[in-house]
Amino acid sequence: MPAPAEPRSFAPHLALAFAVTVWGASFVAARHLLKTLDPLTLAAARFTIASLFFAGPFVASLIRRTLRGRDLLKMAFLGQLAFSTYFWLQYVGVRNTNAGVAAILVVGLFPSATALLAPLGGDPRPAPRVWAALLLGFLGVAAVTLAKPNGVGAGGDYLLGALCLIANAFGFAIYSLLTRRWMKGVAPATMTGGAMIFGAIGLLIMVAPSGSSAWKSLGNLDETQWAALGFLVLFCSVAGFHAWSFALSRMEASRAAVWIYAEPVVAMALGFTLLGERYGPLALAGAAAIAISVFLANRRPGESYKTVKNGKVD
């Protein structure tokens, strides 16, 4: 008789739901902080502080010599890809667009880019049902983008911001796939922490030419902005990235990627509530399509979705 099927674990899905919720809210928090800070200073402050929370597991791994030289090189590369360059570009985009549009443009191409680049992470390409869900989500993103929310211009600054955000989609796809491939045998906290520490070092080097003026701008933050910075550090950087790494260690990156389509829904809702951003019927219809795409792609285990156990895809 065939062995009974093991119960499906919902832990990776809960981790993904938490990550995309706080990351969606991060666009609103960043938009509020960018009223006072420039993009590079905000990124450097966020990840310099956040990296301290991962220093313990990372240093312990170094002491135990569980990390090899090649592991450190990989973490250094991931850190520059996913923390220094990525968030500098993202905050330029958030400043030049708005919270909702920024989330939409970052997210719009990410699941499709992850699916196209799936072999980079050692994953199979998604099955037709998943591609259909990805297409529905992408159409929802296109609808929101074409709606041109109030207060978002179409000049050179907006175009620059949009290009930075679109580049982020491919950058984060590469980061997710390589993390999925390289983190086998490495604890999620160690991998994420190492990459974040190297990314913070990169950001500190990038902000160094600005001198002390960049850091003095932190003194101009009000109480709500300090709360926003704390949220970015504790929830988005520490807890969010740990949850994402945990999920990637237990499922295919292309499946996890579909969850990212929920980020714009969170960002739009909070942007509407907290920042007064307004969206018309087309934008709301697009947001609904994005939410439905996440449900369709994750409603049941399928032939394209397999769990990961002991470093192997079952």
Protein backbone atom coordinates (compact mmCIF):
# COMPACT_ATOMS: atom_id res chain seq x y z
CA MET A 1 0.00 0.00 0.00
CA PRO A 2 1.24 3.51 -0.74
CA ALA A 3 2.41 5.51 2.22
CA PRO A 4 -0.20 7.92 3.54
CA ALA A 5 0.23 11.52 2.46
CA GLU A 6 1.80 13.75 5.05
CA PRO A 7 -0.32 16.66 6.28
CA ARG A 8 0.31 19.92 4.54
CA SER A 9 2.30 22.42 6.58
CA PHE A 10 0.83 25.89 6.75
CA ALA A 11 3.85 27.41 8.49
CA PRO A 12 5.51 28.59 5.22
CA HIS A 13 2.22 30.17 4.12
CA LEU A 14 1.78 31.99 7.40
CA ALA A 15 5.36 33.23 7.14
CA LEU A 16 4.74 34.50 3.61
CA ALA A 17 1.47 36.19 4.64
CA PHE A 18 3.28 38.02 7.44
CA ALA A 19 6.18 39.04 5.20
CA VAL A 20 4.04 40.47 2.38
CA THR A 21 1.79 42.31 4.85
CA VAL A 22 4.61 44.15 6.60
CA TRP A 23 6.44 44.72 3.30
CA GLY A 24 3.30 46.22 1.81
CA ALA A 25 3.08 48.55 4.79
CA SER A 26 6.77 49.40 4.40
CA PHE A 27 6.04 51.51 1.32
CA VAL A 28 3.79 53.76 3.39
CA ALA A 29 6.34 54.01 6.20
CA ALA A 30 9.12 54.81 3.72
CA ARG A 31 7.02 57.44 1.96
CA HIS A 32 6.46 59.15 5.31
CA LEU A 33 10.18 59.07 6.16
CA LEU A 34 11.25 60.34 2.74
CA LYS A 35 9.65 63.67 3.57
CA THR A 36 12.75 64.25 5.73
CA LEU A 37 15.43 61.75 4.69
CA ASP A 38 17.01 61.14 1.31
CA PRO A 39 16.73 57.59 -0.10
CA LEU A 40 20.31 56.55 0.61
CA THR A 41 20.27 57.79 4.21
CA LEU A 42 16.99 56.02 4.90
CA ALA A 43 18.30 52.73 3.49
CA ALA A 44 21.58 53.03 5.42
CA ALA A 45 19.85 53.86 8.72
CA ARG A 46 17.32 51.06 8.33
CA PHE A 47 19.75 48.24 7.61
CA THR A 48 22.61 49.40 9.81
CA ILE A 49 20.28 49.11 12.78
CA ALA A 50 18.52 45.95 11.54
CA SER A 51 21.79 44.13 10.89
CA LEU A 52 22.64 44.37 14.60
CA PHE A 53 19.77 41.97 15.35
CA PHE A 54 21.38 39.34 13.11
CA ALA A 55 24.93 39.87 14.31
CA GLY A 56 24.67 37.23 17.07
CA PRO A 57 23.75 34.21 14.89
CA PHE A 58 26.19 35.34 12.20
CA VAL A 59 29.15 35.75 14.59
CA ALA A 60 28.27 32.44 16.27
CA SER A 61 28.45 30.72 12.87
CA LEU A 62 31.85 32.27 12.28
CA ILE A 63 33.10 31.09 15.68
CA ARG A 64 31.82 27.57 15.05
CA ARG A 65 33.35 27.71 11.55
CA THR A 66 30.14 26.47 9.97
CA LEU A 67 30.53 29.05 7.20
CA ARG A 68 33.15 28.65 4.50
CA GLY A 69 34.85 31.38 2.54
CA ARG A 70 32.58 30.77 -0.43
CA ASP A 71 29.52 31.17 1.83
CA LEU A 72 30.76 34.59 2.92
CA LEU A 73 31.33 35.63 -0.69
CA LYS A 74 27.80 34.55 -1.58
CA MET A 75 26.37 36.50 1.36
CA ALA A 76 28.38 39.56 0.35
CA PHE A 77 26.97 39.37 -3.17
CA LEU A 78 23.41 38.86 -1.93
CA GLY A 79 23.82 41.75 0.47
CA GLN A 80 24.78 44.19 -2.28
CA LEU A 81 22.00 42.86 -4.50
CA ALA A 82 19.12 42.76 -2.04
CA PHE A 83 19.93 45.41 0.55
CA SER A 84 22.29 48.15 -0.61
CA THR A 85 21.51 48.64 -4.31
CA TYR A 86 17.97 47.31 -4.07
CA PHE A 87 16.69 49.58 -1.34
CA TRP A 88 18.52 52.65 -2.54
CA LEU A 89 16.76 52.27 -5.90
CA GLN A 90 13.47 51.40 -4.25
CA TYR A 91 13.45 54.52 -2.10
CA VAL A 92 14.25 56.69 -5.13
CA GLY A 93 11.19 55.11 -6.71
CA VAL A 94 8.98 55.58 -3.65
CA ARG A 95 10.00 59.25 -3.41
CA ASN A 96 9.26 59.91 -7.11
CA THR A 97 5.93 58.05 -7.27
CA ASN A 98 3.82 57.20 -4.21
CA ALA A 99 3.38 54.27 -1.84
CA GLY A 100 0.75 52.42 -3.85
CA VAL A 101 2.31 52.91 -7.27
CA ALA A 102 5.73 51.98 -5.91
CA ALA A 103 4.41 48.69 -4.50
CA ILE A 104 2.67 47.94 -7.78
CA LEU A 105 5.72 48.56 -9.95
CA VAL A 106 8.08 46.64 -7.65
CA VAL A 107 5.69 43.70 -7.48
CA GLY A 108 4.35 43.74 -11.01
CA LEU A 109 7.12 41.85 -12.71
CA PHE A 110 8.54 39.98 -9.72
CA PRO A 111 6.51 36.74 -9.91
CA SER A 112 6.91 36.52 -13.67
CA ALA A 113 10.64 37.29 -13.41
CA THR A 114 11.00 34.61 -10.75
CA ALA A 115 9.16 32.08 -12.90
CA LEU A 116 11.26 32.91 -15.96
CA LEU A 117 14.49 32.64 -13.96
CA ALA A 118 13.36 29.58 -11.95
CA PRO A 119 16.24 27.35 -13.13
CA LEU A 120 18.64 29.81 -11.49
CA GLY A 121 17.35 28.57 -8.14
CA GLY A 122 17.17 24.92 -9.21
CA ASP A 123 13.36 25.01 -9.48
CA PRO A 124 11.22 23.67 -12.33
CA ARG A 125 9.22 26.15 -14.35
CA PRO A 126 5.61 26.60 -13.14
CA ALA A 127 2.78 24.54 -14.59
CA PRO A 128 0.10 26.16 -16.83
CA ARG A 129 -2.28 26.72 -13.90
CA VAL A 130 0.33 28.80 -12.12
CA TRP A 131 1.14 30.76 -15.27
CA ALA A 132 -2.57 31.59 -15.56
CA ALA A 133 -2.55 32.94 -12.00
CA LEU A 134 0.60 34.95 -12.74
CA LEU A 135 -1.01 36.41 -15.85
CA LEU A 136 -4.11 37.44 -13.90
CA GLY A 137 -1.94 39.12 -11.29
CA PHE A 138 0.13 40.90 -13.94
CA LEU A 139 -3.05 42.17 -15.63
CA GLY A 140 -4.17 43.50 -12.26
CA VAL A 141 -0.86 45.33 -11.88
CA ALA A 142 -1.22 46.79 -15.39
CA ALA A 143 -4.73 47.98 -14.59
CA VAL A 144 -3.60 49.80 -11.47
CA THR A 145 -0.66 51.37 -13.30
CA LEU A 146 -2.82 52.59 -16.19
CA ALA A 147 -5.28 54.10 -13.74
CA LYS A 148 -2.73 56.87 -12.94
CA PRO A 149 -3.72 57.63 -9.33
CA ASN A 150 -4.27 61.22 -8.33
CA GLY A 151 -1.13 63.10 -7.37
CA VAL A 152 1.20 60.97 -9.51
CA GLY A 153 2.75 62.85 -12.39
CA ALA A 154 4.14 61.55 -15.65
CA GLY A 155 7.32 63.61 -15.93
CA GLY A 156 10.96 62.65 -15.90
CA ASP A 157 11.08 62.16 -12.13
CA TYR A 158 8.17 59.72 -12.28
CA LEU A 159 9.80 57.82 -15.15
CA LEU A 160 13.09 57.59 -13.24
CA GLY A 161 11.28 56.29 -10.19
CA ALA A 162 9.32 53.76 -12.25
CA LEU A 163 12.48 52.42 -13.90
CA CYS A 164 14.18 52.02 -10.52
CA LEU A 165 11.21 50.09 -9.18
CA ILE A 166 10.94 47.82 -12.21
CA ALA A 167 14.65 46.99 -11.90
CA ASN A 168 13.93 46.03 -8.29
CA ALA A 169 11.57 43.29 -9.44
CA PHE A 170 14.32 41.48 -11.30
CA GLY A 171 16.87 42.12 -8.55
CA PHE A 172 14.67 40.63 -5.86
CA ALA A 173 13.80 37.68 -8.10
CA ILE A 174 17.50 36.86 -8.45
CA TYR A 175 18.01 37.30 -4.70
CA SER A 176 15.12 34.96 -3.86
CA LEU A 177 16.23 32.28 -6.29
CA LEU A 178 19.86 32.36 -5.23
CA THR A 179 18.91 32.39 -1.55
CA ARG A 180 16.70 29.36 -2.16
CA ARG A 181 19.61 27.60 -3.85
CA TRP A 182 22.46 28.70 -1.60
CA MET A 183 20.83 28.53 1.84
CA LYS A 184 20.62 24.73 1.93
CA GLY A 185 22.48 23.66 5.03
CA VAL A 186 22.63 27.26 6.31
CA ALA A 187 20.15 28.49 8.91
CA PRO A 188 17.76 31.15 7.53
CA ALA A 189 18.77 33.63 10.24
CA THR A 190 22.44 33.16 9.40
CA MET A 191 21.96 33.56 5.65
CA THR A 192 19.66 36.56 5.98
CA GLY A 193 21.79 38.13 8.68
CA GLY A 194 25.03 37.70 6.75
CA ALA A 195 23.55 39.21 3.61
CA MET A 196 22.04 42.08 5.59
CA ILE A 197 25.30 42.83 7.41
CA PHE A 198 27.24 42.94 4.13
CA GLY A 199 24.46 45.05 2.61
CA ALA A 200 24.62 47.50 5.53
CA ILE A 201 28.39 47.80 5.03
CA GLY A 202 27.78 48.57 1.37
CA LEU A 203 25.23 51.25 2.27
CA LEU A 204 27.59 52.85 4.78
CA ILE A 205 30.25 53.06 2.08
CA MET A 206 27.73 54.59 -0.34
CA VAL A 207 26.58 57.22 2.15
CA ALA A 208 30.12 58.10 3.32
CA PRO A 209 30.69 60.83 0.67
CA SER A 210 27.76 62.79 2.17
CA GLY A 211 29.63 63.10 5.45
CA SER A 212 27.88 63.84 8.72
CA SER A 213 25.10 65.83 7.03
CA ALA A 214 23.29 62.62 6.07
CA TRP A 215 23.18 61.39 9.67
CA LYS A 216 22.29 64.82 11.07
CA SER A 217 19.02 64.63 9.10
CA LEU A 218 17.91 61.85 11.47
CA GLY A 219 17.63 64.50 14.17
CA ASN A 220 14.85 66.16 12.17
CA LEU A 221 12.53 63.15 12.40
CA ASP A 222 9.33 63.61 14.40
CA GLU A 223 7.77 60.98 16.66
CA THR A 224 5.69 59.37 13.93
CA GLN A 225 8.72 59.12 11.67
CA TRP A 226 10.80 57.47 14.39
CA ALA A 227 7.93 54.99 14.81
CA ALA A 228 7.97 54.39 11.06
CA LEU A 229 11.72 53.78 11.14
CA GLY A 230 11.28 51.35 14.03
CA PHE A 231 8.62 49.50 12.04
CA LEU A 232 10.93 49.24 9.02
CA VAL A 233 13.74 47.90 11.19
CA LEU A 234 11.92 45.45 13.47
CA PHE A 235 9.00 44.21 11.41
CA CYS A 236 10.08 44.65 7.81
CA SER A 237 13.82 44.02 8.02
CA VAL A 238 14.26 41.62 10.93
CA ALA A 239 11.01 39.65 11.15
CA GLY A 240 9.97 40.03 7.51
CA PHE A 241 13.20 38.82 5.92
CA HIS A 242 13.51 35.97 8.42
CA ALA A 243 9.97 34.85 7.57
CA TRP A 244 10.72 35.06 3.84
CA SER A 245 13.92 33.00 4.18
CA PHE A 246 12.08 30.45 6.32
CA ALA A 247 9.39 30.03 3.65
CA LEU A 248 11.95 29.76 0.82
CA SER A 249 13.67 26.93 2.67
CA ARG A 250 10.45 24.92 2.51
CA MET A 251 8.85 25.68 -0.86
CA GLU A 252 9.73 26.59 -4.43
CA ALA A 253 10.63 30.23 -5.06
CA SER A 254 8.14 30.48 -7.96
CA ARG A 255 5.31 29.52 -5.60
CA ALA A 256 6.39 31.97 -2.93
CA ALA A 257 6.67 34.67 -5.60
CA VAL A 258 2.93 34.67 -6.23
CA TRP A 259 2.32 35.84 -2.67
CA ILE A 260 4.16 39.06 -3.47
CA TYR A 261 1.11 40.12 -5.48
CA ALA A 262 -0.62 40.83 -2.15
CA GLU A 263 1.85 43.62 -1.33
CA PRO A 264 0.23 46.29 -3.54
CA VAL A 265 -3.16 45.56 -1.99
CA VAL A 266 -1.74 46.27 1.47
CA ALA A 267 0.17 49.33 0.27
CA MET A 268 -2.87 50.78 -1.54
CA ALA A 269 -5.16 50.24 1.44
CA LEU A 270 -2.75 51.88 3.88
CA GLY A 271 -1.81 54.60 1.41
CA PHE A 272 -5.50 55.45 1.09
CA THR A 273 -6.05 55.40 4.86
CA LEU A 274 -2.87 57.04 6.13
CA LEU A 275 -1.53 59.15 3.24
CA GLY A 276 -4.72 60.16 1.47
CA GLU A 277 -3.77 58.42 -1.79
CA ARG A 278 -6.80 57.92 -4.01
CA TYR A 279 -7.52 55.25 -6.62
CA GLY A 280 -10.37 54.91 -9.11
CA PRO A 281 -12.49 51.88 -10.09
CA LEU A 282 -9.87 50.56 -12.52
CA ALA A 283 -7.22 50.55 -9.81
CA LEU A 284 -9.53 48.79 -7.36
CA ALA A 285 -10.42 46.19 -9.98
CA GLY A 286 -6.74 45.60 -10.57
CA ALA A 287 -6.11 45.17 -6.85
CA ALA A 288 -8.92 42.61 -6.70
CA ALA A 289 -7.38 40.69 -9.61
CA ILE A 290 -4.05 40.63 -7.77
CA ALA A 291 -5.67 39.21 -4.64
CA ILE A 292 -7.54 36.56 -6.65
CA SER A 293 -4.33 35.50 -8.39
CA VAL A 294 -2.72 34.73 -5.03
CA PHE A 295 -5.72 32.61 -4.04
CA LEU A 296 -5.82 30.69 -7.31
CA ALA A 297 -2.13 29.86 -7.24
CA ASN A 298 -2.22 28.64 -3.63
CA ARG A 299 -5.66 27.10 -3.18
CA ARG A 300 -4.40 23.49 -3.24
CA PRO A 301 -1.18 21.52 -3.73
CA GLY A 302 -0.56 20.90 -7.41
CA GLU A 303 1.87 19.18 -9.62
CA SER A 304 4.04 22.29 -9.80
CA TYR A 305 4.15 22.84 -6.04
CA LYS A 306 6.27 20.52 -3.96
CA THR A 307 7.52 20.78 -0.43
CA VAL A 308 11.18 20.90 0.45
CA LYS A 309 12.51 18.49 3.07
CA ASN A 310 16.06 17.77 4.06
CA GLY A 311 17.36 19.88 1.21
CA LYS A 312 15.38 17.96 -1.42
CA VAL A 313 12.25 18.87 -3.35
CA ASP A 314 9.61 16.16 -2.84
